[in-house]
C-alpha atoms as a PDB file:
ATOM      1  CA  MET A   1      34.047  -2.598  35.098  1.00  0.00           C
ATOM      2  CA  THR A   2      32.194   0.653  34.501  1.00  0.00           C
ATOM      3  CA  ALA A   3      28.486   0.927  33.926  1.00  0.00           C
ATOM      4  CA  PRO A   4      27.371   1.626  30.347  1.00  0.00           C
ATOM      5  CA  VAL A   5      26.583   5.232  29.502  1.00  0.00           C
ATOM      6  CA  GLU A   6      23.229   5.760  27.807  1.00  0.00           C
ATOM      7  CA  GLY A   7      23.594   6.607  24.108  1.00  0.00           C
ATOM      8  CA  VAL A   8      27.282   5.626  23.956  1.00  0.00           C
ATOM      9  CA  VAL A   9      28.323   2.497  22.100  1.00  0.00           C
ATOM     10  CA  PRO A  10      31.209   0.730  23.848  1.00  0.00           C
ATOM     11  CA  ALA A  11      34.420   0.306  21.838  1.00  0.00           C
ATOM     12  CA  HIS A  12      34.217  -3.492  22.038  1.00  0.00           C
ATOM     13  CA  PRO A  13      30.613  -4.491  22.751  1.00  0.00           C
ATOM     14  CA  ALA A  14      29.799  -8.093  23.379  1.00  0.00           C
ATOM     15  CA  GLY A  15      28.836 -10.041  20.267  1.00  0.00           C
ATOM     16  CA  PRO A  16      25.541 -11.872  19.787  1.00  0.00           C
ATOM     17  CA  ALA A  17      26.829 -14.888  21.700  1.00  0.00           C
ATOM     18  CA  GLY A  18      28.144 -12.699  24.500  1.00  0.00           C
ATOM     19  CA  THR A  19      31.801 -12.312  23.493  1.00  0.00           C
ATOM     20  CA  ALA A  20      33.581 -10.192  20.931  1.00  0.00           C
ATOM     21  CA  GLY A  21      35.292 -13.383  19.714  1.00  0.00           C
ATOM     22  CA  SER A  22      31.974 -14.586  18.299  1.00  0.00           C
ATOM     23  CA  TRP A  23      32.377 -11.962  15.547  1.00  0.00           C
ATOM     24  CA  GLY A  24      35.260 -13.899  13.979  1.00  0.00           C
ATOM     25  CA  GLU A  25      38.908 -13.025  13.682  1.00  0.00           C
ATOM     26  CA  PRO A  26      39.707  -9.327  13.252  1.00  0.00           C
ATOM     27  CA  ARG A  27      41.191  -8.416   9.891  1.00  0.00           C
ATOM     28  CA  HIS A  28      44.132  -6.071   9.486  1.00  0.00           C
ATOM     29  CA  LYS A  29      45.366  -3.574   6.949  1.00  0.00           C
ATOM     30  CA  THR A  30      48.746  -1.855   7.020  1.00  0.00           C
ATOM     31  CA  VAL A  31      49.103   1.622   5.553  1.00  0.00           C
ATOM     32  CA  SER A  32      52.429   3.314   4.835  1.00  0.00           C
ATOM     33  CA  TRP A  33      52.915   6.870   3.614  1.00  0.00           C
ATOM     34  CA  THR A  34      55.574   9.472   3.085  1.00  0.00           C
ATOM     35  CA  ASP A  35      55.777  12.680   5.100  1.00  0.00           C
ATOM     36  CA  PRO A  36      53.187  14.932   3.408  1.00  0.00           C
ATOM     37  CA  ARG A  37      55.449  17.947   3.829  1.00  0.00           C
ATOM     38  CA  VAL A  38      57.753  16.504   1.150  1.00  0.00           C
ATOM     39  CA  VAL A  39      55.160  16.696  -1.613  1.00  0.00           C
ATOM     40  CA  ALA A  40      53.631  19.938  -0.281  1.00  0.00           C
ATOM     41  CA  ALA A  41      57.022  21.660  -0.289  1.00  0.00           C
ATOM     42  CA  ALA A  42      57.636  20.612  -3.898  1.00  0.00           C
ATOM     43  CA  ALA A  43      54.211  21.711  -5.193  1.00  0.00           C
ATOM     44  CA  PRO A  44      54.886  25.459  -5.732  1.00  0.00           C
ATOM     45  CA  GLY A  45      57.781  24.683  -8.070  1.00  0.00           C
ATOM     46  CA  TYR A  46      55.624  22.744 -10.511  1.00  0.00           C
ATOM     47  CA  GLY A  47      52.820  23.650 -12.843  1.00  0.00           C
ATOM     48  CA  GLY A  48      49.772  21.528 -11.972  1.00  0.00           C
ATOM     49  CA  LEU A  49      50.127  19.142 -14.912  1.00  0.00           C
ATOM     50  CA  ASP A  50      53.819  18.482 -14.236  1.00  0.00           C
ATOM     51  CA  PHE A  51      53.141  18.103 -10.505  1.00  0.00           C
ATOM     52  CA  LEU A  52      50.494  15.421 -11.070  1.00  0.00           C
ATOM     53  CA  ARG A  53      52.708  13.672 -13.614  1.00  0.00           C
ATOM     54  CA  ALA A  54      55.590  13.663 -11.109  1.00  0.00           C
ATOM     55  CA  ILE A  55      53.333  11.885  -8.607  1.00  0.00           C
ATOM     56  CA  ALA A  56      52.093   9.451 -11.271  1.00  0.00           C
ATOM     57  CA  ASP A  57      55.685   8.686 -12.360  1.00  0.00           C
ATOM     58  CA  GLY A  58      56.944   8.235  -8.789  1.00  0.00           C
ATOM     59  CA  ALA A  59      59.241  11.280  -8.860  1.00  0.00           C
ATOM     60  CA  LEU A  60      57.149  12.689  -5.985  1.00  0.00           C
ATOM     61  CA  PRO A  61      55.377  10.654  -3.325  1.00  0.00           C
ATOM     62  CA  PRO A  62      51.582  10.410  -3.391  1.00  0.00           C
ATOM     63  CA  PRO A  63      49.652  12.227  -0.678  1.00  0.00           C
ATOM     64  CA  PRO A  64      48.798  10.158   2.426  1.00  0.00           C
ATOM     65  CA  ILE A  65      45.072  10.014   1.541  1.00  0.00           C
ATOM     66  CA  ALA A  66      45.989   8.140  -1.647  1.00  0.00           C
ATOM     67  CA  ALA A  67      47.925   5.561   0.364  1.00  0.00           C
ATOM     68  CA  LEU A  68      45.152   5.246   2.938  1.00  0.00           C
ATOM     69  CA  LEU A  69      42.375   4.693   0.398  1.00  0.00           C
ATOM     70  CA  GLY A  70      44.432   2.974  -2.310  1.00  0.00           C
ATOM     71  CA  PHE A  71      44.113   5.622  -5.031  1.00  0.00           C
ATOM     72  CA  GLU A  72      46.397   5.254  -8.056  1.00  0.00           C
ATOM     73  CA  VAL A  73      46.935   7.823 -10.798  1.00  0.00           C
ATOM     74  CA  ARG A  74      46.290   6.215 -14.191  1.00  0.00           C
ATOM     75  CA  GLU A  75      46.126   9.151 -16.620  1.00  0.00           C
ATOM     76  CA  VAL A  76      46.981  12.833 -16.461  1.00  0.00           C
ATOM     77  CA  GLU A  77      46.441  15.312 -19.261  1.00  0.00           C
ATOM     78  CA  PRO A  78      45.452  18.978 -19.300  1.00  0.00           C
ATOM     79  CA  GLY A  79      41.974  19.264 -17.797  1.00  0.00           C
ATOM     80  CA  ARG A  80      41.467  15.503 -17.372  1.00  0.00           C
ATOM     81  CA  VAL A  81      42.706  12.859 -14.930  1.00  0.00           C
ATOM     82  CA  VAL A  82      41.856   9.220 -14.245  1.00  0.00           C
ATOM     83  CA  PHE A  83      42.428   7.519 -10.897  1.00  0.00           C
ATOM     84  CA  ALA A  84      41.791   3.903  -9.895  1.00  0.00           C
ATOM     85  CA  CYS A  85      40.815   2.403  -6.560  1.00  0.00           C
ATOM     86  CA  ARG A  86      40.025  -1.176  -5.557  1.00  0.00           C
ATOM     87  CA  PRO A  87      37.913  -0.900  -2.401  1.00  0.00           C
ATOM     88  CA  ASP A  88      37.889  -3.721   0.102  1.00  0.00           C
ATOM     89  CA  GLU A  89      35.669  -4.428   3.071  1.00  0.00           C
ATOM     90  CA  SER A  90      37.797  -2.229   5.353  1.00  0.00           C
ATOM     91  CA  VAL A  91      35.844   0.718   3.906  1.00  0.00           C
ATOM     92  CA  TYR A  92      32.404  -0.849   4.375  1.00  0.00           C
ATOM     93  CA  ASN A  93      29.596   0.943   6.141  1.00  0.00           C
ATOM     94  CA  PRO A  94      27.387  -0.882   8.681  1.00  0.00           C
ATOM     95  CA  ILE A  95      25.025  -2.194   5.973  1.00  0.00           C
ATOM     96  CA  GLY A  96      27.657  -4.109   4.014  1.00  0.00           C
ATOM     97  CA  MET A  97      28.598  -1.705   1.221  1.00  0.00           C
ATOM     98  CA  VAL A  98      31.516   0.587   0.478  1.00  0.00           C
ATOM     99  CA  HIS A  99      30.924   3.807   2.387  1.00  0.00           C
ATOM    100  CA  GLY A 100      29.807   6.664   0.159  1.00  0.00           C
ATOM    101  CA  GLY A 101      32.582   8.760   1.667  1.00  0.00           C
ATOM    102  CA  LEU A 102      35.200   6.730  -0.221  1.00  0.00           C
ATOM    103  CA  VAL A 103      33.364   7.232  -3.520  1.00  0.00           C
ATOM    104  CA  CYS A 104      32.892  10.938  -2.745  1.00  0.00           C
ATOM    105  CA  THR A 105      36.577  11.332  -1.870  1.00  0.00           C
ATOM    106  CA  LEU A 106      37.571   9.600  -5.108  1.00  0.00           C
ATOM    107  CA  ALA A 107      35.243  11.858  -7.121  1.00  0.00           C
ATOM    108  CA  ASP A 108      36.459  14.974  -5.302  1.00  0.00           C
ATOM    109  CA  THR A 109      40.061  13.967  -5.913  1.00  0.00           C
ATOM    110  CA  VAL A 110      39.764  13.475  -9.663  1.00  0.00           C
ATOM    111  CA  ALA A 111      37.626  16.570 -10.215  1.00  0.00           C
ATOM    112  CA  ALA A 112      39.990  18.783  -8.203  1.00  0.00           C
ATOM    113  CA  CYS A 113      43.089  17.228  -9.777  1.00  0.00           C
ATOM    114  CA  ALA A 114      41.611  17.909 -13.225  1.00  0.00           C
ATOM    115  CA  VAL A 115      41.445  21.565 -12.187  1.00  0.00           C
ATOM    116  CA  HIS A 116      44.982  21.377 -10.765  1.00  0.00           C
ATOM    117  CA  SER A 117      46.249  20.057 -14.102  1.00  0.00           C
ATOM    118  CA  THR A 118      45.337  23.400 -15.706  1.00  0.00           C
ATOM    119  CA  LEU A 119      47.101  25.656 -13.183  1.00  0.00           C
ATOM    120  CA  ASP A 120      50.458  27.382 -13.522  1.00  0.00           C
ATOM    121  CA  ALA A 121      53.299  26.934 -11.028  1.00  0.00           C
ATOM    122  CA  GLY A 122      52.612  28.689  -7.742  1.00  0.00           C
ATOM    123  CA  VAL A 123      48.841  28.826  -8.275  1.00  0.00           C
ATOM    124  CA  GLY A 124      46.851  26.918  -5.674  1.00  0.00           C
ATOM    125  CA  TYR A 125      43.277  25.739  -5.398  1.00  0.00           C
ATOM    126  CA  THR A 126      40.836  24.279  -2.934  1.00  0.00           C
ATOM    127  CA  SER A 127      37.427  22.685  -3.298  1.00  0.00           C
ATOM    128  CA  ILE A 128      34.522  25.010  -2.588  1.00  0.00           C
ATOM    129  CA  ASP A 129      31.762  22.432  -2.862  1.00  0.00           C
ATOM    130  CA  ILE A 130      30.901  19.056  -4.295  1.00  0.00           C
ATOM    131  CA  SER A 131      27.615  17.445  -5.229  1.00  0.00           C
ATOM    132  CA  VAL A 132      27.625  13.674  -5.598  1.00  0.00           C
ATOM    133  CA  SER A 133      24.926  11.450  -7.061  1.00  0.00           C
ATOM    134  CA  TYR A 134      25.262   7.793  -6.060  1.00  0.00           C
ATOM    135  CA  LEU A 135      23.750   5.610  -8.774  1.00  0.00           C
ATOM    136  CA  ARG A 136      24.416   2.048  -7.612  1.00  0.00           C
ATOM    137  CA  PRO A 137      25.917   0.347  -4.572  1.00  0.00           C
ATOM    138  CA  VAL A 138      29.617  -0.494  -4.461  1.00  0.00           C
ATOM    139  CA  THR A 139      31.047  -3.565  -2.716  1.00  0.00           C
ATOM    140  CA  ALA A 140      34.406  -5.331  -2.773  1.00  0.00           C
ATOM    141  CA  ASP A 141      32.904  -7.456  -5.563  1.00  0.00           C
ATOM    142  CA  SER A 142      32.396  -4.348  -7.719  1.00  0.00           C
ATOM    143  CA  GLY A 143      36.040  -4.596  -8.747  1.00  0.00           C
ATOM    144  CA  GLU A 144      38.329  -1.732  -9.537  1.00  0.00           C
ATOM    145  CA  LEU A 145      36.724   1.689  -9.581  1.00  0.00           C
ATOM    146  CA  LEU A 146      37.882   4.070 -12.296  1.00  0.00           C
ATOM    147  CA  ALA A 147      37.191   7.735 -11.722  1.00  0.00           C
ATOM    148  CA  THR A 148      37.564  10.338 -14.431  1.00  0.00           C
ATOM    149  CA  GLY A 149      37.714  14.035 -13.606  1.00  0.00           C
ATOM    150  CA  THR A 150      37.195  16.622 -16.335  1.00  0.00           C
ATOM    151  CA  VAL A 151      37.317  20.414 -16.210  1.00  0.00           C
ATOM    152  CA  THR A 152      34.092  21.923 -17.527  1.00  0.00           C
ATOM    153  CA  ARG A 153      34.901  25.629 -17.148  1.00  0.00           C
ATOM    154  CA  THR A 154      37.777  27.689 -15.819  1.00  0.00           C
ATOM    155  CA  GLY A 155      37.832  31.252 -14.615  1.00  0.00           C
ATOM    156  CA  ARG A 156      40.325  33.521 -12.919  1.00  0.00           C
ATOM    157  CA  ARG A 157      38.918  32.816  -9.426  1.00  0.00           C
ATOM    158  CA  VAL A 158      36.739  29.694  -9.773  1.00  0.00           C
ATOM    159  CA  ALA A 159      37.035  26.537 -11.877  1.00  0.00           C
ATOM    160  CA  PHE A 160      34.360  23.883 -12.378  1.00  0.00           C
ATOM    161  CA  ALA A 161      34.793  20.170 -12.971  1.00  0.00           C
ATOM    162  CA  ARG A 162      32.835  16.937 -13.072  1.00  0.00           C
ATOM    163  CA  ALA A 163      33.644  13.367 -12.135  1.00  0.00           C
ATOM    164  CA  GLU A 164      32.332   9.988 -13.202  1.00  0.00           C
ATOM    165  CA  VAL A 165      33.082   6.792 -11.294  1.00  0.00           C
ATOM    166  CA  VAL A 166      32.585   3.392 -12.945  1.00  0.00           C
ATOM    167  CA  ASP A 167      32.956  -0.088 -11.475  1.00  0.00           C
ATOM    168  CA  GLY A 168      34.946  -3.038 -12.809  1.00  0.00           C
ATOM    169  CA  ALA A 169      32.128  -3.911 -15.235  1.00  0.00           C
ATOM    170  CA  GLY A 170      32.095  -0.357 -16.623  1.00  0.00           C
ATOM    171  CA  ARG A 171      28.805   0.536 -14.907  1.00  0.00           C
ATOM    172  CA  LEU A 172      28.422   4.120 -13.748  1.00  0.00           C
ATOM    173  CA  VAL A 173      28.243   4.114  -9.925  1.00  0.00           C
ATOM    174  CA  ALA A 174      28.465   7.844  -9.182  1.00  0.00           C
ATOM    175  CA  THR A 175      28.728  11.274 -10.744  1.00  0.00           C
ATOM    176  CA  ALA A 176      29.814  14.527  -9.173  1.00  0.00           C
ATOM    177  CA  THR A 177      30.224  18.194  -9.908  1.00  0.00           C
ATOM    178  CA  THR A 178      32.523  20.521  -8.044  1.00  0.00           C
ATOM    179  CA  SER A 179      33.793  24.057  -7.972  1.00  0.00           C
ATOM    180  CA  CYS A 180      37.290  25.022  -6.885  1.00  0.00           C
ATOM    181  CA  LEU A 181      38.619  28.350  -5.684  1.00  0.00           C
ATOM    182  CA  VAL A 182      41.732  29.292  -7.654  1.00  0.00           C
ATOM    183  CA  MET A 183      44.307  31.066  -5.481  1.00  0.00           C
ATOM    184  CA  THR A 184      46.951  33.130  -7.239  1.00  0.00           C
ATOM    185  CA  PRO A 185      50.015  34.321  -5.331  1.00  0.00           C
ATOM    186  CA  ALA A 186      49.762  37.827  -3.901  1.00  0.00           C
END
């Protein structure tokens, strides 16, 4: 057995009673996804709206991040999308709440996809920045999260969007604003 290194937390530290088994049985989650190159290769042939609708309808596979975090497309229209997510305790932070990173990723996804829904075939985009305001804690008991992304302004090089995330009771849990770089083919 090696000596502990100062400042490094061991992968399986002993629990309060001296054994990792005192923490209870480990829980498991299985994630399956499709090769991301399949959807990426198809993207240039679609306008943004049709591309997102193809994913929503199952004609194209969802990106791996959607499978990992449980994101589902619920609505797609020009300049507006709605995704759902039902977080579980596998995405908890150390203080017993859903990690803000999941909520931020959900907000970033819907805001950027709202922008994508306005783009022509062959035009790409990427997030430049995002600002998230967390308004209330989220737990597994919060129920399904619904996130709505809406374009607020488009330009030739930059587009702006906002996101709102509500819990299963319809309470606003987070808002976000983002800007996306629009990349036209050379």
